[in-house]
Each structure stands twice: as C-alpha cells, then as structure tokens.
Amino acid sequence: MSTEKLHPDAARVCELIVAANRPPMETLTPPQAREAYLASRAVLQPDSEEVAEVVALEAPGPAGPIRMRLYRGMAAGKDQLQPALIYFHGGGWVIGDLESHDQVCRALANAARCIVVAVDYRLAPEHKFPAAVDDAIVATRWIAGNGKRLGLDASRLAVGGDSAGGNLAAVVSLDARDSGGPPLVFQLLVYPSTDMGLEWPSHKRHADQLPLRHTTMQWFVDHYLRDAKDRADWRASPLRADNFAKLPPALVVTAAFDPLCDEGEAYAKALQAAQVEVKLERFAGQIHGFLSMGRIVADSDRLVRMAGTALQRAFAST
C-alpha cells in the first residue's frame, strides 16, 4: 500500500473544487462543461505572461478552417527563422480551446525561447473521432509547409500537449513517421491519454481523485469515440500502435495521483523499448491538470521550466 500523499498545493485545488460545489462534469452537457472549464481559469491559472507577438492564424482543414494562434516568445527574434512547438490543448477532446491554454502557451513560448502554435481542433461530441486527429495532422503539415511565411524553421518542429492534447501529439508523431513527415524533433507529452481501454491500475487506484475521476474520463471517451471498436484504433489509443521505432525524442510527464498515470508511463516505456530517447518524469503528489493550475500549484512552473529546457536542447541538436 502506497504511503504517498497529495502535495499540499494539489490538496488545496481539490478543496477549492469541493467548496465550489459544482456538479460533476459527467452530469453536465458538453456546452455546460466548456463554460465551467473556462470559468475555472481565473481561480487556477496565473496571469498570462507577455510575449513578443501573438498572431491569429487559420489553416484549411477537412471540415473548414482550423483556427490557430501563434505566440512568439520574448527571446525568439524576427531576424531569423525560429524553432516551433505545435501545441494541442487538453480537455478530453470535448472541452478546452485557444483561450483555456493561452497562459500555458505563452509560458512555454518564453521558457523554450521559441514560437508556439496552438491548434483549435474540432471537439466532440459535435465532431466525433477521428475529427480531432484529422485536424491535428492537417494543421501540423500546414504549419510545416508555411514555415518561412510564419517565421519558423520547419526543420526544428516539435509537437506537444497535455492530456487529450498529449494523446494528439503522440498520434501526430506516429503519423508523421509513417506518412513522410513533416520531420519532428521532439514530443512533449504531459499526462497523456494513451489507451482508451481505461483499464490500467491507476484508473482504479485514483478512480475518485479530483479533478479527473474515472467516471469523468469515461464521459469524455463516450463523447469522443463513435463506438467501442474505436478504442483499438492507434489514432485513439497510441499505446496500441504496431511499433514505436524511429519516433522523436520525448519528455513524458505523469502525475502520481492521476487515473492516466500508468498508461502515460507505459507509453514512455514502449518508446524506450523501441530505442527512442525518452525522459519520464513523474510529479510526486500531483493531480491531473496541474500544468494549468499555476496560481496555486508551484509544480506548474517547474514543469514549464523543465519543458522549456528539454525543447531548447532538442532544437539546438538539430
């Protein structure tokens, strides 16, 4: 039996969630859940950092324009093409958008001294799997193909994301390897969802742990997938891909008190077994979503700095 305890910062977040007395997300409609998620920003997220430039973009997508937002970090000059991180937000493929992760993207752009391009992929249940995957892949290819115009170096592209966004970043990396590019130099996978089976031991161990209960995760998956057969599709469950060789180096971050902890670590081990360079970092005492809880959770800043260092190293080695 583990004696590990919740970090005091994480415990404080959980206390605030209970005190807010909001109904569980799985009892809400998706539009209500999106509204509640955005409302939590003021309480949990620190003030957004200033960056050198913010530009609204659109890429032609399979179902209309894909909205994106480019952030130029304060140290990313305009005198030469800059490396870039393509970022996919979390939110269970159902909630979240460019606004929910604006603060995170700004912080990463400054920490990694690069450009960050956030992708506003289509959400379920209005757009079921594989809509989000299709948008993520198309957006990544478009960004690479328009690098010079965007001021970024397409030979130094990374992908990243948290939770559902980490899932999409892993899937984009697999697709880029198998579909002739674009070449990616790094993947930043923050407490990623990697297996739609939802049967890893941490799903039982932390079934009732706020903010992501097992029942909430099931709600997300039920909205996202078309049917049970989609669970086995590697584009939904990248851990079920046929092979992991020749994928970009990765930083995989997990939170010890997260239902997704074990599947994230299993993904890191699958990469390692395929001789991919991986750093696995488990944040002790932490909960799902802590990256965007920096007003209360100090580990959020530690993670941003860790990611920034890893990205700088990956960009420099190319």
Protein backbone atom coordinates (compact mmCIF):
# COMPACT_ATOMS: atom_id res chain seq x y z
CA MET A 1 0.00 0.00 0.00
CA SER A 2 1.49 3.35 -1.03
CA THR A 3 2.07 5.92 1.70
CA GLU A 4 2.44 8.76 -0.80
CA LYS A 5 0.30 11.78 -0.02
CA LEU A 6 -1.20 14.51 -2.14
CA HIS A 7 1.05 17.53 -2.48
CA PRO A 8 -0.35 20.37 -0.32
CA ASP A 9 -0.86 22.51 -3.44
CA ALA A 10 -2.84 19.73 -5.11
CA ALA A 11 -4.86 19.19 -1.94
CA ARG A 12 -5.70 22.91 -1.94
CA VAL A 13 -7.00 22.67 -5.52
CA CYS A 14 -9.18 19.72 -4.56
CA GLU A 15 -10.53 21.65 -1.57
CA LEU A 16 -11.44 24.56 -3.85
CA ILE A 17 -13.22 22.22 -6.27
CA VAL A 18 -15.27 20.74 -3.43
CA ALA A 19 -16.00 24.19 -1.97
CA ALA A 20 -17.22 25.48 -5.34
CA ASN A 21 -19.94 22.81 -5.14
CA ARG A 22 -20.14 22.48 -8.91
CA PRO A 23 -21.92 19.40 -10.26
CA PRO A 24 -19.59 16.67 -11.54
CA MET A 25 -18.60 17.26 -15.16
CA GLU A 26 -20.16 13.98 -16.25
CA THR A 27 -23.57 15.31 -15.17
CA LEU A 28 -23.25 18.35 -17.47
CA THR A 29 -23.87 18.78 -21.16
CA PRO A 30 -20.71 19.45 -23.20
CA PRO A 31 -21.56 23.19 -23.61
CA GLN A 32 -22.09 23.49 -19.84
CA ALA A 33 -18.81 21.65 -19.19
CA ARG A 34 -16.93 24.00 -21.53
CA GLU A 35 -18.33 27.02 -19.70
CA ALA A 36 -17.38 25.59 -16.29
CA TYR A 37 -13.87 24.76 -17.51
CA LEU A 38 -13.24 28.29 -18.75
CA ALA A 39 -14.65 29.74 -15.53
CA SER A 40 -12.02 27.86 -13.50
CA ARG A 41 -9.18 29.74 -15.24
CA ALA A 42 -9.39 32.83 -13.03
CA VAL A 43 -9.05 30.72 -9.90
CA LEU A 44 -6.33 28.29 -11.02
CA GLN A 45 -4.19 29.98 -13.67
CA PRO A 46 -1.62 32.71 -13.04
CA ASP A 47 -1.68 35.94 -15.01
CA SER A 48 -0.64 35.41 -18.63
CA GLU A 49 2.95 36.27 -19.47
CA GLU A 50 3.78 38.92 -22.02
CA VAL A 51 5.19 37.52 -25.28
CA ALA A 52 6.78 39.28 -28.25
CA GLU A 53 3.90 38.64 -30.63
CA VAL A 54 0.51 36.92 -30.86
CA VAL A 55 -0.97 36.22 -34.30
CA ALA A 56 -4.32 34.64 -35.22
CA LEU A 57 -3.98 32.03 -37.99
CA GLU A 58 -6.19 29.70 -39.99
CA ALA A 59 -5.30 26.55 -41.89
CA PRO A 60 -7.62 24.93 -44.43
CA GLY A 61 -8.99 21.81 -42.74
CA PRO A 62 -11.04 18.77 -43.72
CA ALA A 63 -14.24 20.44 -42.43
CA GLY A 64 -13.44 24.11 -42.84
CA PRO A 65 -10.78 26.43 -41.43
CA ILE A 66 -8.78 25.30 -38.40
CA ARG A 67 -8.18 28.22 -36.06
CA MET A 68 -4.71 28.55 -34.60
CA ARG A 69 -2.79 31.09 -32.55
CA LEU A 70 0.93 31.81 -32.91
CA TYR A 71 2.93 33.01 -29.91
CA ARG A 72 6.46 34.35 -30.38
CA GLY A 73 8.44 34.03 -27.16
CA MET A 74 10.23 37.11 -25.85
CA ALA A 75 13.63 35.66 -26.79
CA ALA A 76 12.57 34.46 -30.27
CA GLY A 77 13.83 37.18 -32.60
CA LYS A 78 12.44 38.03 -36.02
CA ASP A 79 15.87 38.29 -37.64
CA GLN A 80 15.97 34.55 -38.36
CA LEU A 81 13.61 31.57 -38.55
CA GLN A 82 12.75 30.25 -35.10
CA PRO A 83 12.08 26.73 -33.82
CA ALA A 84 8.44 26.00 -33.01
CA LEU A 85 6.27 23.87 -30.75
CA ILE A 86 2.87 22.89 -32.17
CA TYR A 87 0.60 22.62 -29.13
CA PHE A 88 -2.67 20.72 -28.69
CA HIS A 89 -4.73 21.68 -25.64
CA GLY A 90 -6.18 19.26 -23.13
CA GLY A 91 -9.84 18.83 -22.23
CA GLY A 92 -10.84 15.27 -23.06
CA TRP A 93 -11.47 16.10 -26.76
CA VAL A 94 -14.71 17.73 -25.52
CA ILE A 95 -13.73 20.94 -23.68
CA GLY A 96 -10.90 23.46 -23.92
CA ASP A 97 -9.87 25.84 -26.68
CA LEU A 98 -7.33 28.54 -27.55
CA GLU A 99 -8.40 30.58 -24.50
CA SER A 100 -8.20 27.76 -21.95
CA HIS A 101 -4.50 27.22 -22.72
CA ASP A 102 -3.44 30.75 -23.64
CA GLN A 103 -1.48 31.16 -20.42
CA VAL A 104 0.28 27.79 -20.83
CA CYS A 105 1.27 28.51 -24.44
CA ARG A 106 2.68 31.92 -23.55
CA ALA A 107 4.73 30.45 -20.71
CA LEU A 108 6.09 27.67 -22.94
CA ALA A 109 7.00 30.11 -25.72
CA ASN A 110 9.08 32.15 -23.27
CA ALA A 111 10.59 29.17 -21.44
CA ALA A 112 11.62 27.38 -24.66
CA ARG A 113 12.67 30.62 -26.39
CA CYS A 114 10.63 29.61 -29.42
CA ILE A 115 7.39 30.05 -31.31
CA VAL A 116 4.34 28.12 -30.09
CA VAL A 117 1.42 27.49 -32.43
CA ALA A 118 -1.75 26.41 -30.59
CA VAL A 119 -4.26 24.40 -32.64
CA ASP A 120 -8.03 24.74 -32.09
CA TYR A 121 -9.04 21.28 -33.31
CA ARG A 122 -12.69 20.22 -33.58
CA LEU A 123 -14.35 18.98 -30.40
CA ALA A 124 -16.66 16.06 -29.64
CA PRO A 125 -19.47 15.14 -29.48
CA GLU A 126 -20.32 17.53 -32.31
CA HIS A 127 -17.28 16.16 -34.15
CA LYS A 128 -16.53 12.57 -33.19
CA PHE A 129 -13.22 10.70 -33.58
CA PRO A 130 -11.20 10.97 -35.76
CA ALA A 131 -12.07 14.66 -36.37
CA ALA A 132 -9.61 15.97 -33.76
CA VAL A 133 -6.87 13.69 -35.11
CA ASP A 134 -7.51 14.77 -38.69
CA ASP A 135 -7.33 18.45 -37.71
CA ALA A 136 -4.14 17.93 -35.70
CA ILE A 137 -2.40 16.16 -38.58
CA VAL A 138 -3.55 18.65 -41.22
CA ALA A 139 -2.59 21.62 -39.04
CA THR A 140 0.88 20.19 -38.38
CA ARG A 141 1.51 19.67 -42.10
CA TRP A 142 0.21 23.15 -42.92
CA ILE A 143 2.45 24.79 -40.30
CA ALA A 144 5.48 22.93 -41.66
CA GLY A 145 4.58 23.83 -45.23
CA ASN A 146 4.19 27.51 -44.38
CA GLY A 147 7.15 27.80 -42.05
CA LYS A 148 9.00 30.59 -43.78
CA ARG A 149 5.89 32.76 -44.03
CA LEU A 150 5.22 32.19 -40.32
CA GLY A 151 8.80 32.95 -39.36
CA LEU A 152 9.54 29.45 -38.15
CA ASP A 153 12.10 26.84 -39.05
CA ALA A 154 10.25 23.76 -40.34
CA SER A 155 13.35 21.62 -39.71
CA ARG A 156 13.02 22.35 -35.96
CA LEU A 157 9.41 21.46 -35.23
CA ALA A 158 8.16 19.81 -32.04
CA VAL A 159 4.68 18.72 -31.04
CA GLY A 160 3.20 18.73 -27.57
CA GLY A 161 0.08 18.77 -25.49
CA ASP A 162 -1.49 17.92 -22.17
CA SER A 163 -3.99 15.10 -21.52
CA ALA A 164 -6.11 14.79 -24.70
CA GLY A 165 -3.57 17.12 -26.32
CA GLY A 166 -0.76 14.76 -25.33
CA ASN A 167 -2.75 11.98 -26.99
CA LEU A 168 -2.98 14.04 -30.19
CA ALA A 169 0.73 14.95 -30.10
CA ALA A 170 1.67 11.26 -29.81
CA VAL A 171 -0.66 10.37 -32.69
CA VAL A 172 0.71 13.19 -34.87
CA SER A 173 4.25 11.90 -34.21
CA LEU A 174 3.27 8.38 -35.30
CA ASP A 175 1.53 9.71 -38.41
CA ALA A 176 4.47 11.95 -39.36
CA ARG A 177 6.83 8.98 -39.14
CA ASP A 178 4.60 6.79 -41.30
CA SER A 179 3.36 9.39 -43.80
CA GLY A 180 6.59 11.01 -44.88
CA GLY A 181 6.69 13.91 -42.47
CA PRO A 182 6.92 16.59 -41.53
CA PRO A 183 10.08 15.67 -39.61
CA LEU A 184 9.59 16.31 -35.90
CA VAL A 185 12.46 16.76 -33.46
CA PHE A 186 10.62 16.31 -30.15
CA GLN A 187 7.33 15.37 -28.48
CA LEU A 188 6.19 16.89 -25.19
CA LEU A 189 3.57 14.57 -23.67
CA VAL A 190 2.08 15.92 -20.45
CA TYR A 191 -0.06 13.37 -18.55
CA PRO A 192 -1.18 11.96 -21.92
CA SER A 193 -4.14 9.69 -22.54
CA THR A 194 -2.68 6.75 -24.47
CA ASP A 195 -5.16 3.88 -24.10
CA MET A 196 -8.93 4.19 -24.46
CA GLY A 197 -9.45 0.92 -22.61
CA LEU A 198 -9.28 2.85 -19.31
CA GLU A 199 -8.23 -0.34 -17.56
CA TRP A 200 -4.73 0.44 -16.26
CA PRO A 201 -4.41 0.03 -12.47
CA SER A 202 -4.19 3.78 -11.85
CA HIS A 203 -7.77 4.08 -13.13
CA LYS A 204 -8.84 2.03 -10.10
CA ARG A 205 -6.22 3.43 -7.73
CA HIS A 206 -7.32 7.02 -8.36
CA ALA A 207 -10.89 6.41 -9.52
CA ASP A 208 -12.31 9.15 -7.29
CA GLN A 209 -9.40 11.58 -7.38
CA LEU A 210 -10.33 15.10 -8.37
CA PRO A 211 -10.29 16.75 -10.81
CA LEU A 212 -10.35 13.77 -13.22
CA ARG A 213 -12.40 10.93 -11.81
CA HIS A 214 -12.57 7.65 -13.71
CA THR A 215 -16.25 8.36 -14.43
CA THR A 216 -15.31 11.76 -15.88
CA MET A 217 -12.74 10.13 -18.15
CA GLN A 218 -15.37 7.62 -19.27
CA TRP A 219 -17.70 10.56 -20.06
CA PHE A 220 -15.02 12.12 -22.26
CA VAL A 221 -14.31 8.88 -24.11
CA ASP A 222 -18.01 8.15 -24.63
CA HIS A 223 -18.46 11.58 -26.21
CA TYR A 224 -15.30 11.30 -28.33
CA LEU A 225 -15.43 7.81 -29.80
CA ARG A 226 -18.03 6.62 -32.30
CA ASP A 227 -18.27 3.11 -30.88
CA ALA A 228 -16.34 0.52 -28.86
CA LYS A 229 -14.30 -0.54 -31.88
CA ASP A 230 -12.57 2.85 -31.95
CA ARG A 231 -10.83 2.01 -28.65
CA ALA A 232 -8.43 -0.30 -30.51
CA ASP A 233 -7.55 2.24 -33.21
CA TRP A 234 -4.00 3.57 -32.68
CA ARG A 235 -5.22 7.06 -33.59
CA ALA A 236 -7.36 6.93 -30.44
CA SER A 237 -5.05 4.70 -28.37
CA PRO A 238 -1.46 5.41 -29.48
CA LEU A 239 -0.21 2.83 -26.97
CA ARG A 240 -1.76 0.22 -29.27
CA ALA A 241 0.32 1.26 -32.30
CA ASP A 242 2.22 -1.55 -34.05
CA ASN A 243 5.66 -0.12 -33.36
CA PHE A 244 7.36 2.84 -31.75
CA ALA A 245 10.71 2.83 -33.53
CA LYS A 246 12.14 5.99 -35.08
CA LEU A 247 9.80 8.34 -33.23
CA PRO A 248 11.01 11.75 -31.98
CA PRO A 249 12.67 12.01 -28.57
CA ALA A 250 10.13 12.64 -25.84
CA LEU A 251 9.56 14.14 -22.44
CA VAL A 252 6.68 12.23 -20.85
CA VAL A 253 5.25 13.79 -17.70
CA THR A 254 2.85 11.99 -15.37
CA ALA A 255 1.10 12.97 -12.14
CA ALA A 256 1.21 10.41 -9.33
CA PHE A 257 -2.47 10.94 -8.34
CA ASP A 258 -3.93 10.72 -11.83
CA PRO A 259 -6.03 7.91 -13.37
CA LEU A 260 -3.91 8.35 -16.53
CA CYS A 261 -0.59 7.88 -14.70
CA ASP A 262 0.04 4.24 -15.60
CA GLU A 263 -0.84 4.48 -19.29
CA GLY A 264 1.39 7.54 -19.67
CA GLU A 265 4.29 5.67 -18.10
CA ALA A 266 3.54 2.60 -20.22
CA TYR A 267 3.84 4.80 -23.30
CA ALA A 268 7.22 6.10 -22.14
CA LYS A 269 8.39 2.50 -21.61
CA ALA A 270 7.13 1.49 -25.07
CA LEU A 271 9.20 4.32 -26.58
CA GLN A 272 12.25 3.32 -24.53
CA ALA A 273 11.91 -0.31 -25.61
CA ALA A 274 11.98 0.89 -29.23
CA GLN A 275 15.26 2.76 -28.59
CA VAL A 276 13.62 6.19 -28.61
CA GLU A 277 15.27 8.73 -26.33
CA VAL A 278 12.80 9.39 -23.52
CA LYS A 279 12.79 11.24 -20.24
CA LEU A 280 9.95 10.11 -17.96
CA GLU A 281 9.15 12.50 -15.13
CA ARG A 282 6.51 11.57 -12.55
CA PHE A 283 5.46 14.52 -10.38
CA ALA A 284 5.00 13.14 -6.88
CA GLY A 285 1.79 14.07 -5.10
CA GLN A 286 0.34 15.80 -8.16
CA ILE A 287 -3.05 15.60 -9.83
CA HIS A 288 -4.23 15.63 -13.42
CA GLY A 289 -4.27 19.08 -14.99
CA PHE A 290 -1.67 20.69 -12.72
CA LEU A 291 0.14 22.35 -15.65
CA SER A 292 -2.69 24.88 -15.93
CA MET A 293 -3.08 25.41 -12.16
CA GLY A 294 -0.01 27.63 -11.67
CA ARG A 295 -1.77 30.20 -9.49
CA ILE A 296 -1.92 27.55 -6.75
CA VAL A 297 0.37 24.68 -7.83
CA ALA A 298 4.07 25.63 -7.83
CA ASP A 299 4.93 22.44 -9.73
CA SER A 300 3.26 24.01 -12.78
CA ASP A 301 6.14 26.47 -13.09
CA ARG A 302 8.67 23.69 -12.52
CA LEU A 303 7.10 21.72 -15.36
CA VAL A 304 7.14 24.74 -17.69
CA ARG A 305 10.84 25.29 -16.97
CA MET A 306 11.59 21.58 -17.44
CA ALA A 307 9.74 21.53 -20.76
CA GLY A 308 11.48 24.71 -21.87
CA THR A 309 14.91 23.22 -21.16
CA ALA A 310 14.06 19.96 -22.97
CA LEU A 311 12.71 21.82 -26.00
CA GLN A 312 15.73 24.13 -26.19
CA ARG A 313 18.04 21.12 -26.10
CA ALA A 314 16.05 19.35 -28.85
CA PHE A 315 16.02 22.45 -31.06
CA ALA A 316 19.76 23.00 -30.56
CA SER A 317 20.67 19.44 -31.51
CA THR A 318 19.03 19.67 -34.93
